[in-house]
Amino acid sequence: MQLKFKQMPQYRHKKVNLTIAAAGQLDEKKVNLPSGTCVGMAVIKTGAAPDEFVDLSILDNGSELVEGSDYRFYEKTNGGRWIDSLRPMSFDCNRDITVRLSADNAIAAGLKLQVIFFIIQN
């Protein structure tokens, strides 16, 4: 009897670091996503969390690809498979996007995040 193993998808990741300086409200960076489909995103934060809502959004040529919502919505969760701990996504890559971090009011102590995109290679 010969065992057959299911081939695992080939994942790649792309990261971008964002920083809103103390008393600031905005940071954005362009990043090139390789070909494939983005299936999940995660955020890693350093330092204390601000007392403000700080939206993370993804733009494609100025249009929202992923509508802004508080960055805490993207933080990894525990349990299950690692891919299940990410915020689910489903959009084509192979393009430049802009990752935007924005607050309605100035953030007293600032905020540093790393945003990670998980991409299945086609």
N, C-alpha and C. Protein backbone atom coordinates (compact mmCIF):
# COMPACT_ATOMS: atom_id res chain seq x y z
N MET A 1 0.84 -1.18 0.00
CA MET A 1 0.00 0.00 0.00
C MET A 1 0.89 1.24 0.00
N GLN A 2 0.65 2.09 -0.93
CA GLN A 2 1.45 3.32 -1.04
C GLN A 2 0.64 4.50 -0.48
N LEU A 3 1.28 5.25 0.42
CA LEU A 3 0.63 6.43 0.99
C LEU A 3 0.72 7.60 0.04
N LYS A 4 -0.36 8.34 -0.07
CA LYS A 4 -0.35 9.56 -0.88
C LYS A 4 -0.47 10.74 0.06
N PHE A 5 0.42 11.69 -0.12
CA PHE A 5 0.40 12.88 0.70
C PHE A 5 -0.14 14.05 -0.11
N LYS A 6 -1.00 14.78 0.54
CA LYS A 6 -1.53 15.99 -0.09
C LYS A 6 -0.44 17.05 -0.09
N GLN A 7 -0.20 17.64 -1.25
CA GLN A 7 0.83 18.68 -1.35
C GLN A 7 0.34 19.95 -0.67
N MET A 8 1.18 20.49 0.19
CA MET A 8 0.86 21.73 0.90
C MET A 8 1.04 22.91 -0.05
N PRO A 9 0.16 23.90 0.07
CA PRO A 9 0.35 25.10 -0.77
C PRO A 9 1.66 25.80 -0.41
N GLN A 10 2.21 26.48 -1.37
CA GLN A 10 3.44 27.24 -1.16
C GLN A 10 3.07 28.65 -0.70
N TYR A 11 3.39 28.95 0.54
CA TYR A 11 3.11 30.27 1.10
C TYR A 11 4.35 31.14 1.02
N ARG A 12 4.13 32.40 0.77
CA ARG A 12 5.17 33.43 0.90
C ARG A 12 4.60 34.49 1.81
N HIS A 13 5.47 35.28 2.37
CA HIS A 13 4.98 36.41 3.15
C HIS A 13 5.74 37.66 2.75
N LYS A 14 5.08 38.76 2.95
CA LYS A 14 5.67 40.07 2.68
C LYS A 14 5.32 40.94 3.87
N LYS A 15 6.29 41.70 4.36
CA LYS A 15 6.04 42.53 5.54
C LYS A 15 6.34 43.99 5.26
N VAL A 16 5.71 44.84 6.05
CA VAL A 16 5.95 46.28 5.97
C VAL A 16 5.86 46.82 7.40
N ASN A 17 6.80 47.70 7.75
CA ASN A 17 6.81 48.32 9.07
C ASN A 17 6.23 49.72 8.97
N LEU A 18 5.34 50.04 9.91
CA LEU A 18 4.70 51.35 9.95
C LEU A 18 4.92 51.97 11.33
N THR A 19 5.12 53.28 11.35
CA THR A 19 5.32 54.00 12.61
C THR A 19 4.57 55.32 12.57
N ILE A 20 3.69 55.51 13.54
CA ILE A 20 3.11 56.84 13.75
C ILE A 20 3.92 57.44 14.90
N ALA A 21 4.58 58.55 14.63
CA ALA A 21 5.42 59.21 15.64
C ALA A 21 4.55 59.75 16.76
N ALA A 22 5.17 59.99 17.92
CA ALA A 22 4.46 60.60 19.05
C ALA A 22 3.80 61.90 18.58
N ALA A 23 2.55 62.10 18.95
CA ALA A 23 1.73 63.25 18.57
C ALA A 23 1.37 63.24 17.08
N GLY A 24 1.57 62.10 16.40
CA GLY A 24 1.24 61.99 14.99
C GLY A 24 -0.08 61.28 14.77
N GLN A 25 -0.49 61.22 13.48
CA GLN A 25 -1.77 60.61 13.13
C GLN A 25 -1.71 59.67 11.94
N LEU A 26 -0.59 59.65 11.19
CA LEU A 26 -0.60 58.92 9.92
C LEU A 26 0.78 58.40 9.56
N ASP A 27 0.81 57.19 8.99
CA ASP A 27 1.98 56.68 8.28
C ASP A 27 1.44 55.78 7.18
N GLU A 28 2.11 55.78 6.04
CA GLU A 28 1.76 54.88 4.96
C GLU A 28 3.00 54.53 4.17
N LYS A 29 3.00 53.30 3.65
CA LYS A 29 4.15 52.82 2.87
C LYS A 29 3.64 51.99 1.71
N LYS A 30 4.37 52.08 0.61
CA LYS A 30 4.08 51.24 -0.55
C LYS A 30 4.86 49.94 -0.41
N VAL A 31 4.26 48.86 -0.88
CA VAL A 31 4.90 47.56 -0.87
C VAL A 31 4.47 46.80 -2.12
N ASN A 32 5.39 46.03 -2.69
CA ASN A 32 5.08 45.22 -3.86
C ASN A 32 4.79 43.80 -3.39
N LEU A 33 3.57 43.32 -3.67
CA LEU A 33 3.21 41.96 -3.32
C LEU A 33 3.51 41.05 -4.50
N PRO A 34 4.15 39.90 -4.26
CA PRO A 34 4.48 38.98 -5.36
C PRO A 34 3.23 38.31 -5.90
N SER A 35 3.36 37.64 -7.04
CA SER A 35 2.19 37.00 -7.65
C SER A 35 1.62 35.94 -6.72
N GLY A 36 0.31 35.82 -6.76
CA GLY A 36 -0.41 34.87 -5.92
C GLY A 36 -1.66 35.51 -5.38
N THR A 37 -2.22 34.89 -4.35
CA THR A 37 -3.43 35.37 -3.69
C THR A 37 -3.15 35.59 -2.22
N CYS A 38 -3.45 36.77 -1.72
CA CYS A 38 -3.30 37.05 -0.29
C CYS A 38 -4.45 36.34 0.43
N VAL A 39 -4.08 35.43 1.36
CA VAL A 39 -5.11 34.66 2.06
C VAL A 39 -5.22 35.06 3.53
N GLY A 40 -4.30 35.90 4.00
CA GLY A 40 -4.37 36.32 5.39
C GLY A 40 -3.41 37.44 5.69
N MET A 41 -3.72 38.17 6.76
CA MET A 41 -2.86 39.26 7.23
C MET A 41 -2.74 39.15 8.74
N ALA A 42 -1.61 39.63 9.24
CA ALA A 42 -1.39 39.69 10.68
C ALA A 42 -0.66 40.98 11.01
N VAL A 43 -0.82 41.42 12.26
CA VAL A 43 -0.15 42.62 12.75
C VAL A 43 0.58 42.26 14.03
N ILE A 44 1.82 42.72 14.13
CA ILE A 44 2.60 42.60 15.36
C ILE A 44 2.87 44.02 15.84
N LYS A 45 2.54 44.29 17.11
CA LYS A 45 2.70 45.64 17.68
C LYS A 45 3.80 45.61 18.72
N THR A 46 4.58 46.71 18.78
CA THR A 46 5.54 46.87 19.85
C THR A 46 5.05 47.96 20.79
N GLY A 47 5.39 47.86 22.06
CA GLY A 47 5.02 48.89 23.01
C GLY A 47 3.56 48.84 23.42
N ALA A 48 3.16 49.87 24.15
CA ALA A 48 1.80 49.95 24.68
C ALA A 48 0.82 50.34 23.58
N ALA A 49 -0.41 49.87 23.73
CA ALA A 49 -1.46 50.20 22.78
C ALA A 49 -1.99 51.60 23.05
N PRO A 50 -2.25 52.38 22.00
CA PRO A 50 -2.82 53.71 22.21
C PRO A 50 -4.28 53.62 22.66
N ASP A 51 -4.78 54.70 23.23
CA ASP A 51 -6.17 54.76 23.67
C ASP A 51 -7.11 55.20 22.56
N GLU A 52 -6.61 55.34 21.37
CA GLU A 52 -7.38 55.77 20.20
C GLU A 52 -7.61 54.59 19.27
N PHE A 53 -8.67 54.66 18.47
CA PHE A 53 -8.80 53.73 17.35
C PHE A 53 -7.80 54.16 16.29
N VAL A 54 -7.05 53.19 15.78
CA VAL A 54 -6.07 53.45 14.73
C VAL A 54 -6.37 52.49 13.59
N ASP A 55 -6.85 53.03 12.48
CA ASP A 55 -7.28 52.20 11.36
C ASP A 55 -6.11 51.77 10.48
N LEU A 56 -6.18 50.51 10.06
CA LEU A 56 -5.25 49.95 9.10
C LEU A 56 -6.05 49.69 7.84
N SER A 57 -5.60 50.24 6.71
CA SER A 57 -6.29 50.02 5.45
C SER A 57 -5.28 49.72 4.36
N ILE A 58 -5.75 49.08 3.30
CA ILE A 58 -4.91 48.72 2.16
C ILE A 58 -5.50 49.41 0.93
N LEU A 59 -4.64 50.16 0.24
CA LEU A 59 -5.08 50.92 -0.94
C LEU A 59 -4.40 50.41 -2.20
N ASP A 60 -5.15 50.44 -3.29
CA ASP A 60 -4.62 50.11 -4.61
C ASP A 60 -4.89 51.32 -5.50
N ASN A 61 -3.84 52.05 -5.83
CA ASN A 61 -3.97 53.28 -6.63
C ASN A 61 -4.98 54.24 -6.03
N GLY A 62 -4.97 54.40 -4.70
CA GLY A 62 -5.84 55.34 -4.03
C GLY A 62 -7.22 54.81 -3.67
N SER A 63 -7.61 53.66 -4.20
CA SER A 63 -8.91 53.06 -3.87
C SER A 63 -8.72 52.00 -2.79
N GLU A 64 -9.68 51.93 -1.87
CA GLU A 64 -9.57 50.96 -0.79
C GLU A 64 -9.74 49.54 -1.31
N LEU A 65 -8.71 48.74 -1.12
CA LEU A 65 -8.75 47.32 -1.43
C LEU A 65 -9.27 46.57 -0.20
N VAL A 66 -8.80 47.01 0.98
CA VAL A 66 -9.28 46.49 2.26
C VAL A 66 -9.70 47.70 3.08
N GLU A 67 -10.99 47.76 3.42
CA GLU A 67 -11.52 48.89 4.16
C GLU A 67 -10.85 49.02 5.52
N GLY A 68 -10.60 50.26 5.93
CA GLY A 68 -9.94 50.52 7.20
C GLY A 68 -10.75 50.06 8.40
N SER A 69 -10.03 49.45 9.34
CA SER A 69 -10.59 49.08 10.64
C SER A 69 -9.43 49.07 11.63
N ASP A 70 -9.75 49.12 12.91
CA ASP A 70 -8.71 49.20 13.93
C ASP A 70 -7.70 48.06 13.78
N TYR A 71 -6.42 48.39 13.92
CA TYR A 71 -5.34 47.42 13.71
C TYR A 71 -5.48 46.19 14.60
N ARG A 72 -6.13 46.33 15.76
CA ARG A 72 -6.27 45.19 16.69
C ARG A 72 -7.10 44.07 16.08
N PHE A 73 -7.91 44.41 15.08
CA PHE A 73 -8.70 43.41 14.37
C PHE A 73 -7.81 42.45 13.58
N TYR A 74 -6.57 42.87 13.29
CA TYR A 74 -5.62 42.06 12.51
C TYR A 74 -4.64 41.28 13.38
N GLU A 75 -4.70 41.48 14.70
CA GLU A 75 -3.75 40.78 15.56
C GLU A 75 -4.05 39.28 15.54
N LYS A 76 -2.96 38.47 15.54
CA LYS A 76 -3.11 37.02 15.51
C LYS A 76 -3.90 36.53 16.71
N THR A 77 -4.63 35.45 16.50
CA THR A 77 -5.35 34.81 17.59
C THR A 77 -4.67 33.47 17.90
N ASN A 78 -4.99 32.89 19.03
CA ASN A 78 -4.39 31.61 19.41
C ASN A 78 -5.30 30.45 19.04
N GLY A 79 -4.69 29.31 18.86
CA GLY A 79 -5.44 28.08 18.63
C GLY A 79 -5.55 27.71 17.16
N GLY A 80 -5.74 26.44 16.92
CA GLY A 80 -5.91 25.95 15.57
C GLY A 80 -4.63 26.01 14.76
N ARG A 81 -4.78 25.85 13.45
CA ARG A 81 -3.63 25.93 12.55
C ARG A 81 -3.16 27.38 12.46
N TRP A 82 -1.90 27.59 12.14
CA TRP A 82 -1.36 28.96 12.10
C TRP A 82 -2.12 29.82 11.10
N ILE A 83 -2.53 29.27 9.98
CA ILE A 83 -3.23 30.05 8.97
C ILE A 83 -4.60 30.51 9.49
N ASP A 84 -5.20 29.73 10.39
CA ASP A 84 -6.50 30.09 10.96
C ASP A 84 -6.39 31.21 11.99
N SER A 85 -5.17 31.52 12.44
CA SER A 85 -4.98 32.57 13.44
C SER A 85 -4.86 33.96 12.80
N LEU A 86 -4.86 34.02 11.46
CA LEU A 86 -4.73 35.28 10.74
C LEU A 86 -6.09 35.86 10.41
N ARG A 87 -6.11 37.16 10.08
CA ARG A 87 -7.35 37.75 9.55
C ARG A 87 -7.48 37.28 8.10
N PRO A 88 -8.57 36.59 7.78
CA PRO A 88 -8.72 36.06 6.42
C PRO A 88 -8.81 37.18 5.38
N MET A 89 -8.19 36.93 4.24
CA MET A 89 -8.22 37.84 3.10
C MET A 89 -8.40 37.01 1.85
N SER A 90 -8.71 37.65 0.76
CA SER A 90 -8.77 36.98 -0.53
C SER A 90 -8.71 38.03 -1.63
N PHE A 91 -7.47 38.40 -1.99
CA PHE A 91 -7.31 39.33 -3.11
C PHE A 91 -6.05 38.99 -3.88
N ASP A 92 -6.09 39.29 -5.18
CA ASP A 92 -4.96 39.01 -6.05
C ASP A 92 -3.80 39.94 -5.74
N CYS A 93 -2.62 39.41 -5.84
CA CYS A 93 -1.42 40.21 -5.57
C CYS A 93 -0.76 40.59 -6.89
N ASN A 94 0.55 40.47 -6.96
CA ASN A 94 1.32 40.84 -8.15
C ASN A 94 1.08 42.31 -8.52
N ARG A 95 1.19 43.18 -7.48
CA ARG A 95 0.99 44.61 -7.68
C ARG A 95 1.55 45.38 -6.50
N ASP A 96 1.66 46.68 -6.71
CA ASP A 96 2.05 47.59 -5.63
C ASP A 96 0.78 48.02 -4.90
N ILE A 97 0.86 48.02 -3.58
CA ILE A 97 -0.24 48.51 -2.76
C ILE A 97 0.31 49.51 -1.76
N THR A 98 -0.58 50.27 -1.14
CA THR A 98 -0.19 51.19 -0.07
C THR A 98 -0.86 50.71 1.21
N VAL A 99 -0.05 50.57 2.26
CA VAL A 99 -0.56 50.18 3.57
C VAL A 99 -0.62 51.46 4.40
N ARG A 100 -1.82 51.78 4.90
CA ARG A 100 -2.01 53.04 5.62
C ARG A 100 -2.45 52.77 7.05
N LEU A 101 -1.83 53.48 7.97
CA LEU A 101 -2.17 53.45 9.38
C LEU A 101 -2.58 54.87 9.75
N SER A 102 -3.83 55.06 10.22
CA SER A 102 -4.30 56.42 10.47
C SER A 102 -5.20 56.49 11.70
N ALA A 103 -5.08 57.61 12.42
CA ALA A 103 -5.90 57.87 13.60
C ALA A 103 -6.64 59.19 13.40
N ASP A 104 -7.82 59.30 13.98
CA ASP A 104 -8.58 60.54 13.89
C ASP A 104 -7.93 61.65 14.72
N ASN A 105 -7.30 61.26 15.83
CA ASN A 105 -6.65 62.22 16.72
C ASN A 105 -5.19 61.84 16.90
N ALA A 106 -4.37 62.79 17.31
CA ALA A 106 -2.95 62.52 17.54
C ALA A 106 -2.79 61.45 18.61
N ILE A 107 -1.81 60.57 18.40
CA ILE A 107 -1.49 59.51 19.35
C ILE A 107 -0.34 59.99 20.23
N ALA A 108 -0.58 60.11 21.51
CA ALA A 108 0.40 60.71 22.41
C ALA A 108 1.76 60.01 22.36
N ALA A 109 1.79 58.71 22.51
CA ALA A 109 3.06 57.99 22.60
C ALA A 109 3.50 57.38 21.27
N GLY A 110 2.71 57.50 20.23
CA GLY A 110 3.06 56.91 18.94
C GLY A 110 2.68 55.44 18.89
N LEU A 111 2.97 54.81 17.74
CA LEU A 111 2.61 53.41 17.52
C LEU A 111 3.54 52.82 16.47
N LYS A 112 4.06 51.61 16.73
CA LYS A 112 4.88 50.87 15.77
C LYS A 112 4.24 49.52 15.50
N LEU A 113 4.06 49.21 14.21
CA LEU A 113 3.47 47.94 13.80
C LEU A 113 4.28 47.30 12.69
N GLN A 114 4.19 45.98 12.62
CA GLN A 114 4.65 45.25 11.44
C GLN A 114 3.42 44.56 10.87
N VAL A 115 3.12 44.81 9.61
CA VAL A 115 2.00 44.20 8.92
C VAL A 115 2.56 43.11 8.01
N ILE A 116 1.98 41.91 8.11
CA ILE A 116 2.47 40.77 7.35
C ILE A 116 1.36 40.23 6.47
N PHE A 117 1.65 40.09 5.19
CA PHE A 117 0.72 39.53 4.22
C PHE A 117 1.15 38.08 3.93
N PHE A 118 0.21 37.14 3.97
CA PHE A 118 0.50 35.74 3.64
C PHE A 118 -0.12 35.43 2.29
N ILE A 119 0.72 34.94 1.39
CA ILE A 119 0.34 34.80 -0.01
C ILE A 119 0.54 33.36 -0.47
N ILE A 120 -0.50 32.79 -1.09
CA ILE A 120 -0.36 31.48 -1.71
C ILE A 120 0.09 31.70 -3.14
N GLN A 121 1.17 31.02 -3.53
CA GLN A 121 1.69 31.13 -4.89
C GLN A 121 0.78 30.38 -5.84
N ASN A 122 0.44 30.98 -6.95
CA ASN A 122 -0.42 30.32 -7.95
C ASN A 122 0.40 29.37 -8.79
